[in-house]
Amino acid sequence: MQTLPLPRGGRWLAAAMLALGTVAALPAAAQAPAVQSCDLGELKLESGASIPNVRMTYITHGTLNAERSNAILSIHGLRGNRDAQSFLAGPGRALDTDRYFVVQPDTLGVASTDPNATTSPTRSGLNMAFPRFNIRDMVQAEYRLLTECLNIRHLVAVTGISMGGIGSLQWAVSHPDFMDAVIPIVPQAHATRQTAFVWETARQAIMLDPKWRDGAYPADDPPRRGTGIGINIQNAFGFSADAFAEMFQDRAAVERFHATSTEQLGRATDARDWVYRTWAIVDHDIARTPPFAGDLRAAARSIKARLLLMPNCYDQLLSPGESGVMELAAHAPNAKIVDLDDIAGHSGNNSPRSLPLITAEIRDLLQRVADGRPGFNGPRIPRHWSREDRCPG
C-alpha cells in the first residue's frame, strides 16, 4: 500500500484515539463551570447489593428556568468525566445554553483520575470490594441526582456518547415519560460477543501487569502500563482501517504513537474504575429491563420519547447492526437514524465531518419539540441504506 505524509485529518484522528470513549479536545467555554455535588446516601443496586455514601459530582451550563422545564441531561463516555460533553453545550451549539440548562454528571464509577470525581471503586475506598453495577444502576443514580438534588421532574432530552449513548437508550426504556427526546450517539442496545471479547482481552492486559496486585494497588503505584495497553486494545477496534491508514504514514509512526499513547492513557485512567465500567458495558442489554425478559422489540415499543439515533457504520467497537441499534430503530414508535459515516469509527462523533451533522440534527429536533411539531425532518433511515436492520454492506 502506498503511504502518504500524515495529513491534518490524521492529526485530529490521533487526538481522537487518545480520547476514545470521551471526546477529542475542542474549544471549551471561557470559564469552566463550578463543580457541584449531590449526596445520595445509599444507592441500592439491581443485584440487591448497595453502595454506601454515594456522591455524584456534576457541572451545569446555562440557566434553569422558573418552571424547571428546560433541562437536558448529557452523559459522558467510558473514559470521560463531567467535562467531556462540554463541546456540545454553549450558545449556538447543539445544546444551546441560551435556551437550555445542560446537566453533565460524573457518572457512577467514573474512571477519571480527577480526585473530585464521583463515587467509584477507588474513590469510595472499597476498591475491589465495591459491588459490581450495571447501566441501569448508573441511570438510577442520574435519576436521583436530577430529582433529589435539582428538583427536575422532566427533561427536554437525554443525550450521550458511547457509554453515555448506551445510558441514554437505557433512560428511554427505564423512564419513558421523563423526557421528550433521547439522542444516543454511537450507542449499543446490547453487548455483542465481539465487544465482550475485546474488553475481556483489554482487562487481562491490565490484570497481567504485576502492579495490578489483584486490584489492590496503592494510589501512588497503579498499573499504568497494563492500563495503557488495555485501552489501546480497545482503540484497535474503535477506529476503521481507513482511519489507521490516514493517521499513520508507516509502521514506525504506528509504533511511536503506540508507545506515547500507552503512557498517556495509563496515566490518565484509573485501572480499577475502568475495569468496573467495562464490566457494566459487556453485561448490558436494554431488553433485560423488567418486564421485557430479553425481548428487544418489546423494549423498543415501550419508548415514548422521540429517538434520534446517531450510530457510525465505520464503528467496529459498538457495531450498529450487531448491537441491536438497527432493530431498536425499526420497532421504536418514533425513531430516526442518522449515520455519522466517519472513518474515525467509534470516535467519529466530533470530527470536522460529523460534528456539524450532529449539531444540525440535534438543533432541528429540539426546535421541533419546542414548537410542538411531531416527528423529525428528513427520512427515517439514511437514503443510502438498503436495509433497515443494519448498516449497508
Protein backbone atom coordinates (compact mmCIF):
# COMPACT_ATOMS: atom_id res chain seq x y z
CA MET A 1 0.00 0.00 0.00
CA GLN A 2 1.34 3.44 -0.89
CA THR A 3 1.98 5.58 2.17
CA LEU A 4 1.38 9.30 2.33
CA PRO A 5 2.51 12.04 4.73
CA LEU A 6 0.30 12.33 7.79
CA PRO A 7 -2.40 14.90 6.87
CA ARG A 8 -4.19 17.39 9.08
CA GLY A 9 -7.09 14.95 9.43
CA GLY A 10 -4.63 12.33 10.61
CA ARG A 11 -3.53 14.54 13.47
CA TRP A 12 -7.16 15.02 14.51
CA LEU A 13 -7.74 11.27 14.40
CA ALA A 14 -4.68 10.65 16.55
CA ALA A 15 -6.04 13.07 19.15
CA ALA A 16 -9.38 11.27 18.98
CA MET A 17 -7.68 7.92 19.60
CA LEU A 18 -6.25 9.23 22.86
CA ALA A 19 -9.72 10.33 23.85
CA LEU A 20 -11.63 7.22 22.72
CA GLY A 21 -14.66 6.86 24.95
CA THR A 22 -14.58 10.55 25.70
CA VAL A 23 -14.15 13.23 23.06
CA ALA A 24 -11.22 14.90 21.40
CA ALA A 25 -10.15 18.32 22.59
CA LEU A 26 -12.31 21.12 21.29
CA PRO A 27 -12.64 24.76 22.38
CA ALA A 28 -14.32 24.96 25.78
CA ALA A 29 -16.19 27.77 27.44
CA ALA A 30 -14.06 30.73 28.54
CA GLN A 31 -14.67 29.90 32.18
CA ALA A 32 -15.15 26.34 33.39
CA PRO A 33 -18.39 25.78 35.31
CA ALA A 34 -18.14 25.17 39.04
CA VAL A 35 -18.16 21.54 40.16
CA GLN A 36 -21.19 20.75 42.30
CA SER A 37 -22.01 17.70 44.43
CA CYS A 38 -25.13 15.69 45.19
CA ASP A 39 -25.00 13.36 48.19
CA LEU A 40 -27.34 10.44 47.54
CA GLY A 41 -26.54 8.33 50.58
CA GLU A 42 -27.08 4.63 49.95
CA LEU A 43 -27.58 3.55 46.34
CA LYS A 44 -29.38 0.22 46.04
CA LEU A 45 -28.33 -1.77 43.00
CA GLU A 46 -30.34 -4.05 40.77
CA SER A 47 -28.28 -7.00 42.04
CA GLY A 48 -29.53 -6.43 45.58
CA ALA A 49 -26.19 -5.03 46.75
CA SER A 50 -25.82 -1.41 47.74
CA ILE A 51 -23.17 1.30 47.64
CA PRO A 52 -22.91 3.49 50.75
CA ASN A 53 -22.33 7.22 50.75
CA VAL A 54 -22.74 7.83 47.03
CA ARG A 55 -21.70 11.30 45.92
CA MET A 56 -22.46 12.50 42.39
CA THR A 57 -20.38 15.39 41.11
CA TYR A 58 -21.60 17.42 38.14
CA ILE A 59 -21.41 20.68 36.25
CA THR A 60 -24.12 22.67 34.51
CA HIS A 61 -24.27 25.04 31.56
CA GLY A 62 -26.99 27.65 31.05
CA THR A 63 -29.81 28.65 33.38
CA LEU A 64 -32.67 26.53 34.72
CA ASN A 65 -35.92 28.37 34.06
CA ALA A 66 -38.55 29.08 36.72
CA GLU A 67 -40.67 26.13 35.60
CA ARG A 68 -37.61 23.82 35.69
CA SER A 69 -38.67 22.65 32.25
CA ASN A 70 -35.65 23.41 30.03
CA ALA A 71 -33.15 20.84 31.31
CA ILE A 72 -31.09 18.42 29.19
CA LEU A 73 -29.01 15.57 30.60
CA SER A 74 -25.73 15.00 28.75
CA ILE A 75 -23.83 11.81 29.68
CA HIS A 76 -20.15 11.13 29.03
CA GLY A 77 -18.41 8.01 27.77
CA LEU A 78 -16.28 5.26 29.29
CA ARG A 79 -13.11 7.28 29.96
CA GLY A 80 -14.84 10.65 30.13
CA ASN A 81 -15.84 12.80 33.03
CA ARG A 82 -18.23 15.70 33.64
CA ASP A 83 -16.31 17.96 31.22
CA ALA A 84 -16.27 15.56 28.27
CA GLN A 85 -19.62 16.63 26.79
CA SER A 86 -18.96 20.37 27.07
CA PHE A 87 -18.12 20.64 23.37
CA LEU A 88 -21.84 20.10 22.67
CA ALA A 89 -23.03 22.81 25.09
CA GLY A 90 -22.89 26.56 24.59
CA PRO A 91 -24.59 29.44 22.79
CA GLY A 92 -25.46 28.32 19.27
CA ARG A 93 -24.10 24.81 19.77
CA ALA A 94 -26.05 21.56 19.58
CA LEU A 95 -27.24 22.07 23.17
CA ASP A 96 -27.87 25.81 23.03
CA THR A 97 -27.28 27.20 26.52
CA ASP A 98 -29.15 30.40 25.64
CA ARG A 99 -32.25 28.18 25.77
CA TYR A 100 -31.38 25.06 27.75
CA PHE A 101 -29.96 24.09 31.13
CA VAL A 102 -27.46 21.29 30.48
CA VAL A 103 -26.52 18.91 33.30
CA GLN A 104 -23.28 16.94 32.88
CA PRO A 105 -22.62 14.48 35.72
CA ASP A 106 -19.61 12.38 36.61
CA THR A 107 -21.40 9.09 36.16
CA LEU A 108 -21.25 6.20 38.61
CA GLY A 109 -17.78 4.63 38.75
CA VAL A 110 -16.16 7.29 36.55
CA ALA A 111 -12.62 6.24 35.60
CA SER A 112 -11.19 9.76 35.58
CA THR A 113 -8.21 10.29 37.86
CA ASP A 114 -9.73 13.61 38.99
CA PRO A 115 -9.80 13.31 42.82
CA ASN A 116 -13.06 15.29 42.97
CA ALA A 117 -14.97 12.93 40.68
CA THR A 118 -18.00 10.92 41.69
CA THR A 119 -18.17 7.75 43.78
CA SER A 120 -16.24 4.86 42.24
CA PRO A 121 -14.45 1.72 43.45
CA THR A 122 -11.29 3.75 44.02
CA ARG A 123 -12.76 6.96 45.49
CA SER A 124 -15.11 5.02 47.76
CA GLY A 125 -12.14 3.32 49.40
CA LEU A 126 -13.78 -0.07 48.80
CA ASN A 127 -11.57 -0.89 45.79
CA MET A 128 -12.39 -4.44 44.58
CA ALA A 129 -14.94 -4.86 47.39
CA PHE A 130 -17.06 -2.28 45.58
CA PRO A 131 -20.15 -4.11 44.25
CA ARG A 132 -20.49 -4.53 40.52
CA PHE A 133 -23.03 -2.18 39.00
CA ASN A 134 -24.77 -2.12 35.64
CA ILE A 135 -26.01 0.52 33.22
CA ARG A 136 -29.45 0.58 34.84
CA ASP A 137 -27.79 1.34 38.18
CA MET A 138 -25.93 4.23 36.55
CA VAL A 139 -29.20 5.57 35.18
CA GLN A 140 -30.84 5.26 38.58
CA ALA A 141 -28.05 7.33 40.15
CA GLU A 142 -28.52 10.00 37.47
CA TYR A 143 -32.29 9.96 38.01
CA ARG A 144 -31.80 10.52 41.73
CA LEU A 145 -29.35 13.35 41.06
CA LEU A 146 -31.91 15.14 38.89
CA THR A 147 -34.94 14.57 41.10
CA GLU A 148 -33.42 14.78 44.59
CA CYS A 149 -30.77 17.46 44.21
CA LEU A 150 -32.01 19.56 41.28
CA ASN A 151 -35.77 19.00 41.69
CA ILE A 152 -36.11 18.32 37.95
CA ARG A 153 -39.10 16.13 37.10
CA HIS A 154 -38.97 16.24 33.31
CA LEU A 155 -36.22 16.68 30.72
CA VAL A 156 -36.31 18.11 27.24
CA ALA A 157 -33.76 15.49 26.22
CA VAL A 158 -31.20 12.93 27.30
CA THR A 159 -28.10 12.55 25.16
CA GLY A 160 -24.73 10.87 25.44
CA ILE A 161 -21.78 9.47 23.52
CA SER A 162 -20.51 5.87 23.63
CA MET A 163 -21.20 4.64 27.19
CA GLY A 164 -23.27 7.80 27.54
CA GLY A 165 -25.22 6.78 24.45
CA ILE A 166 -25.83 3.37 26.00
CA GLY A 167 -27.09 5.10 29.12
CA SER A 168 -29.31 7.38 27.04
CA LEU A 169 -31.03 4.37 25.49
CA GLN A 170 -31.49 2.86 28.94
CA TRP A 171 -33.09 6.11 30.10
CA ALA A 172 -35.60 5.79 27.24
CA VAL A 173 -36.65 2.35 28.47
CA SER A 174 -36.33 2.82 32.24
CA HIS A 175 -38.04 6.23 32.40
CA PRO A 176 -40.10 6.54 29.21
CA ASP A 177 -42.18 9.52 30.41
CA PHE A 178 -39.29 11.54 31.80
CA MET A 179 -38.08 13.21 28.59
CA ASP A 180 -39.31 14.44 25.21
CA ALA A 181 -36.31 13.23 23.19
CA VAL A 182 -33.44 10.75 23.51
CA ILE A 183 -30.32 11.28 21.42
CA PRO A 184 -27.78 8.42 21.70
CA ILE A 185 -24.53 8.87 19.76
CA VAL A 186 -22.53 5.72 18.82
CA PRO A 187 -24.50 3.55 21.30
CA GLN A 188 -25.44 -0.11 21.62
CA ALA A 189 -28.75 -1.70 22.60
CA HIS A 190 -26.95 -4.78 23.89
CA ALA A 191 -23.38 -6.00 24.10
CA THR A 192 -22.07 -8.28 21.37
CA ARG A 193 -19.83 -11.28 21.77
CA GLN A 194 -17.12 -9.36 19.93
CA THR A 195 -17.22 -6.45 22.37
CA ALA A 196 -17.17 -8.90 25.28
CA PHE A 197 -14.03 -10.47 23.76
CA VAL A 198 -12.35 -7.10 23.15
CA TRP A 199 -12.90 -5.82 26.67
CA GLU A 200 -12.01 -9.13 28.33
CA THR A 201 -8.70 -9.05 26.42
CA ALA A 202 -8.17 -5.44 27.48
CA ARG A 203 -8.92 -6.25 31.13
CA GLN A 204 -6.50 -9.19 31.04
CA ALA A 205 -3.75 -6.87 29.78
CA ILE A 206 -4.31 -4.74 32.88
CA MET A 207 -4.55 -7.67 35.26
CA LEU A 208 -1.33 -9.23 33.93
CA ASP A 209 0.59 -6.10 34.87
CA PRO A 210 2.43 -7.06 38.10
CA LYS A 211 1.34 -3.76 39.59
CA TRP A 212 -2.34 -4.74 39.33
CA ARG A 213 -1.98 -6.76 42.57
CA ASP A 214 -5.46 -8.26 42.27
CA GLY A 215 -6.84 -4.73 42.12
CA ALA A 216 -5.34 -3.76 45.48
CA TYR A 217 -2.69 -1.44 44.03
CA PRO A 218 -1.79 1.70 46.01
CA ALA A 219 -2.71 5.14 44.70
CA ASP A 220 0.93 6.06 44.09
CA ASP A 221 1.85 2.94 42.11
CA PRO A 222 -1.03 1.89 39.79
CA PRO A 223 -0.65 -0.49 36.83
CA ARG A 224 -0.16 2.31 34.30
CA ARG A 225 1.50 0.25 31.56
CA GLY A 226 -1.11 -2.51 31.61
CA THR A 227 -3.86 0.11 31.63
CA GLY A 228 -2.45 1.92 28.62
CA ILE A 229 -2.04 -1.32 26.68
CA GLY A 230 -5.54 -2.46 27.61
CA ILE A 231 -7.13 0.76 26.39
CA ASN A 232 -5.10 0.60 23.18
CA ILE A 233 -6.51 -2.89 22.57
CA GLN A 234 -9.92 -1.22 22.70
CA ASN A 235 -8.65 1.52 20.38
CA ALA A 236 -7.66 -1.05 17.77
CA PHE A 237 -11.38 -1.72 17.29
CA GLY A 238 -12.50 1.85 17.85
CA PHE A 239 -11.13 3.04 14.52
CA SER A 240 -11.58 1.74 11.00
CA ALA A 241 -8.76 0.50 8.79
CA ASP A 242 -9.23 3.67 6.71
CA ALA A 243 -8.61 5.77 9.81
CA PHE A 244 -5.38 3.96 10.62
CA ALA A 245 -4.22 4.48 7.05
CA GLU A 246 -4.90 8.21 7.36
CA MET A 247 -3.36 8.56 10.82
CA PHE A 248 -0.02 6.88 10.19
CA GLN A 249 2.35 7.15 7.25
CA ASP A 250 4.29 3.96 8.08
CA ARG A 251 4.84 1.24 10.67
CA ALA A 252 7.38 3.33 12.56
CA ALA A 253 4.74 6.03 13.07
CA VAL A 254 2.34 3.42 14.41
CA GLU A 255 4.87 2.15 16.91
CA ARG A 256 5.85 5.64 18.07
CA PHE A 257 2.24 6.58 18.65
CA HIS A 258 1.52 3.29 20.40
CA ALA A 259 4.33 3.92 22.87
CA THR A 260 3.28 7.51 23.53
CA SER A 261 -0.42 6.80 23.83
CA THR A 262 0.14 3.79 26.09
CA GLU A 263 1.95 6.03 28.56
CA GLN A 264 -0.58 8.87 28.33
CA LEU A 265 -3.66 6.66 28.60
CA GLY A 266 -2.16 4.76 31.54
CA ARG A 267 -1.53 7.98 33.45
CA ALA A 268 -4.98 9.47 32.75
CA THR A 269 -7.15 6.46 33.62
CA ASP A 270 -7.82 4.68 36.89
CA ALA A 271 -7.49 0.98 36.06
CA ARG A 272 -9.84 -0.32 38.75
CA ASP A 273 -12.65 2.05 37.84
CA TRP A 274 -12.19 1.43 34.10
CA VAL A 275 -12.45 -2.34 34.67
CA TYR A 276 -15.71 -1.95 36.57
CA ARG A 277 -17.22 0.23 33.87
CA THR A 278 -16.27 -2.20 31.08
CA TRP A 279 -17.99 -4.94 33.05
CA ALA A 280 -21.13 -2.78 33.01
CA ILE A 281 -20.92 -2.34 29.23
CA VAL A 282 -20.44 -6.01 28.37
CA ASP A 283 -23.21 -7.08 30.75
CA HIS A 284 -25.69 -4.63 29.27
CA ASP A 285 -28.90 -5.36 27.38
CA ILE A 286 -31.83 -2.95 27.45
CA ALA A 287 -34.12 -5.91 26.70
CA ARG A 288 -33.38 -7.30 30.17
CA THR A 289 -35.06 -4.28 31.72
CA PRO A 290 -38.13 -5.53 33.61
CA PRO A 291 -40.65 -6.57 32.37
CA PHE A 292 -39.27 -7.30 28.89
CA ALA A 293 -37.46 -10.58 29.70
CA GLY A 294 -34.99 -10.27 26.81
CA ASP A 295 -37.47 -9.12 24.15
CA LEU A 296 -35.70 -6.22 22.40
CA ARG A 297 -38.65 -5.41 20.19
CA ALA A 298 -40.94 -5.10 23.21
CA ALA A 299 -38.41 -2.83 24.91
CA ALA A 300 -38.24 -0.72 21.75
CA ARG A 301 -42.02 -0.42 21.57
CA SER A 302 -42.08 0.90 25.15
CA ILE A 303 -40.09 4.01 24.24
CA LYS A 304 -42.28 7.11 24.25
CA ALA A 305 -39.69 9.81 23.56
CA ARG A 306 -38.56 10.76 20.08
CA LEU A 307 -35.48 8.66 19.46
CA LEU A 308 -32.71 10.21 17.35
CA LEU A 309 -30.06 7.51 16.93
CA MET A 310 -26.66 8.50 15.57
CA PRO A 311 -24.51 5.40 15.04
CA ASN A 312 -21.49 5.20 12.76
CA CYS A 313 -21.30 2.42 10.21
CA TYR A 314 -17.49 2.52 10.47
CA ASP A 315 -17.77 1.69 14.19
CA GLN A 316 -16.16 -1.69 14.88
CA LEU A 317 -16.38 -1.43 18.68
CA LEU A 318 -20.14 -0.91 19.07
CA SER A 319 -21.21 -2.06 15.62
CA PRO A 320 -24.72 -0.74 14.88
CA GLY A 321 -26.23 -3.83 13.30
CA GLU A 322 -24.86 -6.47 15.62
CA SER A 323 -25.51 -4.43 18.79
CA GLY A 324 -29.23 -4.11 18.15
CA VAL A 325 -29.37 -0.42 17.23
CA MET A 326 -30.99 -1.05 13.85
CA GLU A 327 -33.58 -3.46 15.26
CA LEU A 328 -34.35 -0.98 18.02
CA ALA A 329 -34.93 1.81 15.50
CA ALA A 330 -37.15 -0.40 13.37
CA HIS A 331 -39.53 -1.07 16.28
CA ALA A 332 -39.45 2.10 18.37
CA PRO A 333 -42.65 4.11 17.75
CA ASN A 334 -40.92 7.38 16.80
CA ALA A 335 -37.29 6.93 15.73
CA LYS A 336 -34.82 8.27 13.19
CA ILE A 337 -31.31 7.07 12.34
CA VAL A 338 -28.53 9.37 11.15
CA ASP A 339 -25.36 7.57 10.03
CA LEU A 340 -22.29 9.62 11.02
CA ASP A 341 -20.42 7.83 8.22
CA ASP A 342 -17.00 8.84 9.54
CA ILE A 343 -13.81 6.80 9.15
CA ALA A 344 -12.88 7.61 12.77
CA GLY A 345 -15.35 4.85 13.68
CA HIS A 346 -16.39 4.83 17.31
CA SER A 347 -14.62 8.15 17.88
CA GLY A 348 -16.27 9.70 14.84
CA ASN A 349 -18.54 11.88 16.93
CA ASN A 350 -16.81 15.25 16.84
CA SER A 351 -14.77 15.30 13.66
CA PRO A 352 -14.96 18.14 11.13
CA ARG A 353 -17.33 15.90 9.17
CA SER A 354 -19.61 14.61 11.93
CA LEU A 355 -19.90 17.48 14.39
CA PRO A 356 -21.80 19.82 12.01
CA LEU A 357 -24.17 16.94 11.21
CA ILE A 358 -24.75 16.13 14.88
CA THR A 359 -25.29 19.80 15.69
CA ALA A 360 -27.78 20.33 12.87
CA GLU A 361 -29.79 17.21 13.70
CA ILE A 362 -29.97 17.93 17.43
CA ARG A 363 -30.87 21.59 16.97
CA ASP A 364 -33.58 20.68 14.46
CA LEU A 365 -35.11 18.05 16.75
CA LEU A 366 -35.05 20.32 19.79
CA GLN A 367 -36.71 23.10 17.77
CA ARG A 368 -39.46 20.73 16.67
CA VAL A 369 -40.01 19.73 20.29
CA ALA A 370 -40.15 23.40 21.35
CA ASP A 371 -42.61 24.21 18.56
CA GLY A 372 -44.84 21.25 19.38
CA ARG A 373 -44.32 19.74 15.93
CA PRO A 374 -44.32 15.94 15.75
CA GLY A 375 -41.66 13.63 14.39
CA PHE A 376 -38.45 14.57 12.59
CA ASN A 377 -37.29 16.30 9.46
CA GLY A 378 -35.90 14.13 6.69
CA PRO A 379 -36.03 10.36 6.09
CA ARG A 380 -36.36 7.92 8.97
CA ILE A 381 -33.36 5.93 7.74
CA PRO A 382 -30.47 7.22 5.61
CA ARG A 383 -31.28 7.26 1.92
CA HIS A 384 -28.10 5.35 1.07
CA TRP A 385 -29.10 2.37 3.22
CA SER A 386 -30.73 -0.57 1.51
CA ARG A 387 -31.98 -2.27 4.70
CA GLU A 388 -33.34 -1.01 7.99
CA ASP A 389 -31.87 -3.67 10.26
CA ARG A 390 -28.17 -2.98 9.73
CA CYS A 391 -25.63 -0.78 8.00
CA PRO A 392 -25.28 -1.40 4.27
CA GLY A 393 -22.68 -3.90 3.15
